[in-house]
Structure formats: structure tokens, C-alpha cells
Protein backbone atom coordinates (compact mmCIF):
# COMPACT_ATOMS: atom_id res chain seq x y z
CA UNK A 1 -33.13 11.57 -12.05
CA UNK A 2 -29.72 13.03 -11.13
CA UNK A 3 -30.98 13.68 -7.60
CA UNK A 4 -31.99 10.02 -7.24
CA UNK A 5 -28.57 8.85 -8.45
CA UNK A 6 -26.85 11.11 -5.94
CA UNK A 7 -28.98 9.73 -3.11
CA UNK A 8 -28.05 6.18 -4.17
CA UNK A 9 -24.37 7.08 -4.16
CA UNK A 10 -24.64 8.46 -0.63
CA UNK A 11 -26.30 5.25 0.57
CA UNK A 12 -23.58 3.12 -1.05
CA UNK A 13 -20.74 5.19 0.42
CA UNK A 14 -22.13 5.72 3.91
CA UNK A 15 -23.99 2.48 4.55
CA UNK A 16 -26.53 1.98 7.28
CA UNK A 17 -24.03 2.38 10.12
CA UNK A 18 -22.29 5.54 8.96
CA UNK A 19 -19.32 3.65 7.51
CA UNK A 20 -18.17 4.14 3.92
CA UNK A 21 -18.44 0.91 1.98
CA UNK A 22 -17.24 2.33 -1.33
CA UNK A 23 -14.98 -0.69 -1.68
CA UNK A 24 -12.79 -3.25 -0.01
CA UNK A 25 -10.28 -0.72 1.33
CA UNK A 26 -12.84 1.79 2.60
CA UNK A 27 -14.63 -1.00 4.47
CA UNK A 28 -11.48 -1.51 6.57
CA UNK A 29 -11.67 2.00 7.97
CA UNK A 30 -13.95 3.72 10.45
CA UNK A 31 -16.03 6.78 9.63
CA UNK A 32 -13.60 8.89 11.69
CA UNK A 33 -10.61 7.55 9.77
CA UNK A 34 -12.29 8.22 6.44
CA UNK A 35 -13.02 11.75 7.61
CA UNK A 36 -9.35 12.23 8.48
CA UNK A 37 -8.36 10.95 5.04
CA UNK A 38 -10.61 13.53 3.41
CA UNK A 39 -8.75 16.19 5.39
CA UNK A 40 -5.51 15.06 3.79
CA UNK A 41 -4.21 13.03 6.72
CA UNK A 42 -2.29 9.77 6.53
CA UNK A 43 -3.77 6.84 8.46
CA UNK A 44 -0.99 4.64 9.85
CA UNK A 45 -1.72 1.38 11.67
CA UNK A 46 0.75 -1.08 13.18
CA UNK A 47 0.30 -4.60 14.53
CA UNK A 48 2.99 -6.42 16.49
CA UNK A 49 3.91 -9.86 15.17
CA UNK A 50 5.90 -12.46 17.14
CA UNK A 51 8.33 -13.32 14.35
CA UNK A 52 9.70 -9.79 13.90
CA UNK A 53 10.95 -6.89 16.04
CA UNK A 54 9.16 -4.64 13.54
CA UNK A 55 5.36 -4.57 13.35
CA UNK A 56 3.21 -5.22 10.34
CA UNK A 57 2.23 -1.83 8.97
CA UNK A 58 -0.72 -0.51 7.01
CA UNK A 59 -0.93 3.02 5.67
CA UNK A 60 -3.89 4.67 3.96
CA UNK A 61 -3.91 7.82 1.85
CA UNK A 62 -6.51 9.59 -0.29
CA UNK A 63 -5.04 10.82 -3.58
CA UNK A 64 -6.58 13.30 -5.99
CA UNK A 65 -6.30 11.09 -9.06
CA UNK A 66 -7.75 7.88 -10.46
CA UNK A 67 -6.67 4.44 -9.18
CA UNK A 68 -5.20 3.75 -12.60
CA UNK A 69 -3.06 6.88 -12.45
CA UNK A 70 -1.77 6.07 -8.96
CA UNK A 71 -0.85 2.55 -10.00
CA UNK A 72 0.76 3.76 -13.22
CA UNK A 73 3.13 6.04 -11.31
CA UNK A 74 4.06 3.27 -8.87
CA UNK A 75 4.41 0.77 -11.73
CA UNK A 76 7.19 2.92 -13.19
CA UNK A 77 9.54 1.22 -10.75
CA UNK A 78 12.75 2.62 -12.19
CA UNK A 79 11.56 6.17 -11.57
CA UNK A 80 11.09 5.63 -7.82
CA UNK A 81 14.52 7.09 -6.84
CA UNK A 82 13.33 10.39 -8.28
CA UNK A 83 10.67 10.90 -5.62
CA UNK A 84 10.79 8.25 -2.86
CA UNK A 85 13.15 9.27 -0.02
CA UNK A 86 16.24 7.12 0.57
CA UNK A 87 15.73 4.99 -2.55
CA UNK A 88 19.05 5.49 -4.33
CA UNK A 89 18.66 3.19 -7.34
CA UNK A 90 16.00 0.93 -8.87
CA UNK A 91 16.59 -1.24 -11.91
CA UNK A 92 14.49 -3.97 -13.48
CA UNK A 93 16.79 -6.99 -13.53
CA UNK A 94 14.30 -9.45 -15.03
CA UNK A 95 10.94 -9.12 -16.76
CA UNK A 96 9.11 -12.37 -16.01
CA UNK A 97 5.93 -11.33 -17.83
CA UNK A 98 4.14 -8.16 -18.84
CA UNK A 99 2.80 -7.65 -15.32
CA UNK A 100 5.62 -9.24 -13.27
CA UNK A 101 9.19 -7.99 -12.86
CA UNK A 102 12.17 -8.42 -10.56
CA UNK A 103 13.65 -5.13 -9.38
CA UNK A 104 17.00 -4.44 -7.76
CA UNK A 105 16.94 -1.59 -5.24
CA UNK A 106 19.54 0.26 -3.20
CA UNK A 107 18.18 1.91 -0.07
CA UNK A 108 19.96 4.31 2.25
CA UNK A 109 19.70 3.03 5.84
CA UNK A 110 20.55 5.19 8.88
CA UNK A 111 23.49 4.01 11.01
CA UNK A 112 24.44 1.38 8.43
CA UNK A 113 25.63 0.93 4.88
CA UNK A 114 23.09 0.90 2.06
CA UNK A 115 20.78 -2.11 1.84
CA UNK A 116 20.74 -3.79 -1.56
CA UNK A 117 17.82 -6.09 -2.28
CA UNK A 118 15.66 -7.61 -5.02
CA UNK A 119 11.90 -7.94 -5.06
CA UNK A 120 9.42 -9.62 -7.37
CA UNK A 121 6.56 -7.23 -8.15
CA UNK A 122 3.27 -8.22 -9.74
CA UNK A 123 0.55 -5.79 -10.83
CA UNK A 124 -3.11 -6.72 -11.33
CA UNK A 125 -6.60 -5.24 -11.42
CA UNK A 126 -9.92 -6.83 -10.48
CA UNK A 127 -13.31 -6.40 -12.21
CA UNK A 128 -14.34 -3.77 -9.64
CA UNK A 129 -11.48 -1.51 -10.73
CA UNK A 130 -9.21 -2.07 -7.72
CA UNK A 131 -5.56 -2.10 -8.72
CA UNK A 132 -3.00 -4.07 -6.76
CA UNK A 133 0.78 -4.47 -6.73
CA UNK A 134 2.19 -7.37 -4.69
CA UNK A 135 5.88 -7.66 -3.84
CA UNK A 136 8.04 -10.36 -2.28
CA UNK A 137 11.66 -10.08 -1.24
CA UNK A 138 13.87 -12.46 -3.22
CA UNK A 139 17.25 -11.62 -1.75
CA UNK A 140 18.90 -8.94 0.36
CA UNK A 141 22.11 -8.16 2.20
CA UNK A 142 20.58 -8.02 5.68
CA UNK A 143 16.79 -8.33 5.50
CA UNK A 144 15.49 -11.86 6.21
CA UNK A 145 12.11 -11.53 4.54
CA UNK A 146 9.62 -8.94 3.38
CA UNK A 147 6.22 -9.12 1.70
CA UNK A 148 3.71 -6.43 0.98
CA UNK A 149 1.18 -4.97 -1.37
CA UNK A 150 -0.36 -1.73 -2.50
CA UNK A 151 -4.06 -1.57 -3.32
CA UNK A 152 -5.86 1.36 -4.93
CA UNK A 153 -9.60 1.68 -5.41
CA UNK A 154 -12.05 4.42 -6.44
CA UNK A 155 -13.37 6.51 -3.57
CA UNK A 156 -15.83 9.24 -4.51
CA UNK A 157 -13.91 11.20 -7.17
CA UNK A 158 -10.47 10.22 -5.88
CA UNK A 159 -8.29 7.17 -5.28
CA UNK A 160 -7.97 5.45 -1.92
CA UNK A 161 -4.60 3.77 -1.47
CA UNK A 162 -3.64 1.11 1.05
CA UNK A 163 0.03 0.23 1.53
CA UNK A 164 0.83 -2.87 3.59
CA UNK A 165 4.24 -4.26 4.52
CA UNK A 166 5.61 -7.01 6.76
CA UNK A 167 9.38 -7.13 7.14
CA UNK A 168 11.67 -9.29 9.23
CA UNK A 169 15.04 -7.55 9.56
CA UNK A 170 18.26 -9.50 9.91
CA UNK A 171 20.39 -6.90 11.63
CA UNK A 172 21.43 -7.30 15.26
CA UNK A 173 20.52 -3.65 15.82
CA UNK A 174 17.07 -3.94 14.24
CA UNK A 175 15.47 -2.47 17.36
CA UNK A 176 17.40 0.77 16.74
CA UNK A 177 16.11 0.90 13.17
CA UNK A 178 12.44 0.36 14.02
CA UNK A 179 11.54 4.06 14.14
CA UNK A 180 13.38 4.94 10.89
CA UNK A 181 11.77 1.91 9.21
CA UNK A 182 8.28 3.06 10.20
CA UNK A 183 9.16 6.55 9.02
CA UNK A 184 10.29 5.15 5.68
CA UNK A 185 6.88 3.60 5.09
CA UNK A 186 5.10 6.85 5.93
CA UNK A 187 7.45 8.86 3.73
CA UNK A 188 7.01 6.39 0.87
CA UNK A 189 3.22 6.64 0.93
CA UNK A 190 3.30 10.43 1.13
CA UNK A 191 5.84 10.58 -1.68
CA UNK A 192 3.71 8.42 -3.97
CA UNK A 193 0.66 10.60 -3.33
CA UNK A 194 2.54 13.83 -3.96
CA UNK A 195 4.21 12.49 -7.12
CA UNK A 196 0.90 11.34 -8.60
CA UNK A 197 -0.76 14.69 -7.92
CA UNK A 198 2.29 16.57 -9.22
CA UNK A 199 2.27 14.65 -12.50
CA UNK A 200 -1.48 15.00 -12.85
CA UNK A 201 -1.31 18.77 -12.38
CA UNK A 202 1.98 19.71 -14.06
CA UNK A 203 3.25 16.71 -16.05
CA UNK A 204 0.19 15.23 -17.79
CA UNK A 205 2.19 13.91 -20.72
CA UNK A 206 4.51 11.91 -18.47
CA UNK A 207 1.50 10.54 -16.59
CA UNK A 208 -0.28 9.62 -19.82
CA UNK A 209 2.79 7.66 -20.94
CA UNK A 210 2.87 5.75 -17.62
CA UNK A 211 -0.83 4.90 -17.98
CA UNK A 212 -0.18 3.50 -21.46
CA UNK A 213 2.61 1.29 -20.09
CA UNK A 214 0.38 0.05 -17.26
CA UNK A 215 -2.45 -0.83 -19.66
CA UNK A 216 0.00 -2.74 -21.83
CA UNK A 217 0.92 -4.82 -18.79
CA UNK A 218 -2.75 -5.59 -18.13
CA UNK A 219 -4.04 -6.90 -21.48
CA UNK A 220 -7.33 -8.03 -19.93
CA UNK A 221 -8.28 -4.35 -19.65
CA UNK A 222 -7.84 -3.62 -23.35
CA UNK A 223 -11.31 -4.82 -24.31
CA UNK A 224 -13.08 -2.31 -22.09
CA UNK A 225 -10.56 0.04 -20.48
CA UNK A 226 -11.83 2.35 -17.78
CA UNK A 227 -11.48 6.04 -18.73
CA UNK A 228 -8.68 7.90 -17.00
CA UNK A 229 -8.39 11.61 -16.32
CA UNK A 230 -5.01 11.44 -18.03
CA UNK A 231 -6.64 10.42 -21.33
CA UNK A 232 -5.75 13.56 -23.26
CA UNK A 233 -4.33 13.76 -26.79
CA UNK A 234 -0.56 13.55 -26.58
CA UNK A 235 1.53 14.10 -29.67
CA UNK A 236 5.00 13.94 -28.12
CA UNK A 237 5.03 12.20 -24.72
CA UNK A 238 7.86 13.27 -22.46
CA UNK A 239 10.57 10.66 -21.86
């Protein structure tokens, strides 16, 4: 019986054309790209758009954790300066609802003074277990507009993350900042992956606390929550 189940899983993941259709995100990638992800590589894709000197970017990363754990670490917005490069401060300025908040950030920008901006972030999860965080720029010192999202879905025994961002800069030297901006996206995705795996391996109590906070923001999951690898008895969670 176990052998039959394994065969079925292979068919679902590989499909009839050699492409992994484990979920919405995996279906966006080729077999070669999925193979690179399994080797620990970051997949980075850009698409030029007429309204901005910066392209729309998509980054994919395989993380050794559950989708819930990845989202829980990202959802702890105020902790982002501790592990995401160039993010100097992050404070929740307004809590619109359990799953929606407005966050004020300060970001170090090369060649210029720090950029201060506010985003509205909303976290959700669909019935298939794909977590998603959407963000929209509300105000900024120099950036005209920015929208993006992070999606995380199960992939084999790991989590497959997609990070998408479209930004229209307002600076007159935006063309000089294109390369650092693309690097910031790559560094952000790598930093999220490394932080999740670090907490999972060495800080399980901190991760368990973040998972609890995420579940509280998604009350629809309380009736039948999906098990998480961080579900271990915790008597005194770390702050």
C-alpha cells in the first residue's frame, strides 16, 4: 500500500510532461528550475515594465520547513531588522485586523539617505495550504508605488516560496539604484530562508511562538489546523 501511495505522489509531482505540479507555485517553474531549487539555488526572474525603470521581479526559494513556519517568521514583521539586510527599523503603526497591519520601515539605500515608508500587509491561507502575504505601499519619501506578495506552498517535504515585487521609484537617479534594488530582493529572500531554517534548527521555542501568533491571525484555521513541525511542547517560549 505504501508503495502505491509513493507512486501516486511521484505522478502528482512530476506530471506527464516532467514538470512538477505540486501546486500553484511549482507549476510556474520548469523541471530544470525545480532541479536547481532542490540544489539550494535561488531562481530569480525579471520582466521589464514600461511604467518603471526597475523590472518586476520574482524570486523562488526552497526552504527546509513547513509553509506555515516560513509564513510565521515573515509575519513577525517587527523582527525583520534582525535578519533582513539594510532593514533598519520595522514597527507596526496600525493593526487594521488580526491578519492586516500597517508597518513603518526604514531602509538603508546606497548613495542616498534612508528610505522611510509604510506598507499595508495582509496574510491569508487557502484551503490547499498555500500561505500568502500581500503588501501595498501606502506612503514613502521617494518611492512612487510598490506592490508585492509572498506565497508559500508545500513541496515534497519542504516549503516552496515565491516572492514577487513591482516597484516604481521616484528618485531621479533610479537607474543607478537598479542593481542594488535587485540585490536587495535576492538578499531578502535568502535571509528569510536562512532565518526560518535557523529558528527551526536552533530556536524551536521562538518559532513555535511565531506559529501561534500566525494561527491567531488566521481564525479560519483553528477548526482544523494543519500540523506543523514546530508543534512541540513549550513551557516557557522565548520572547
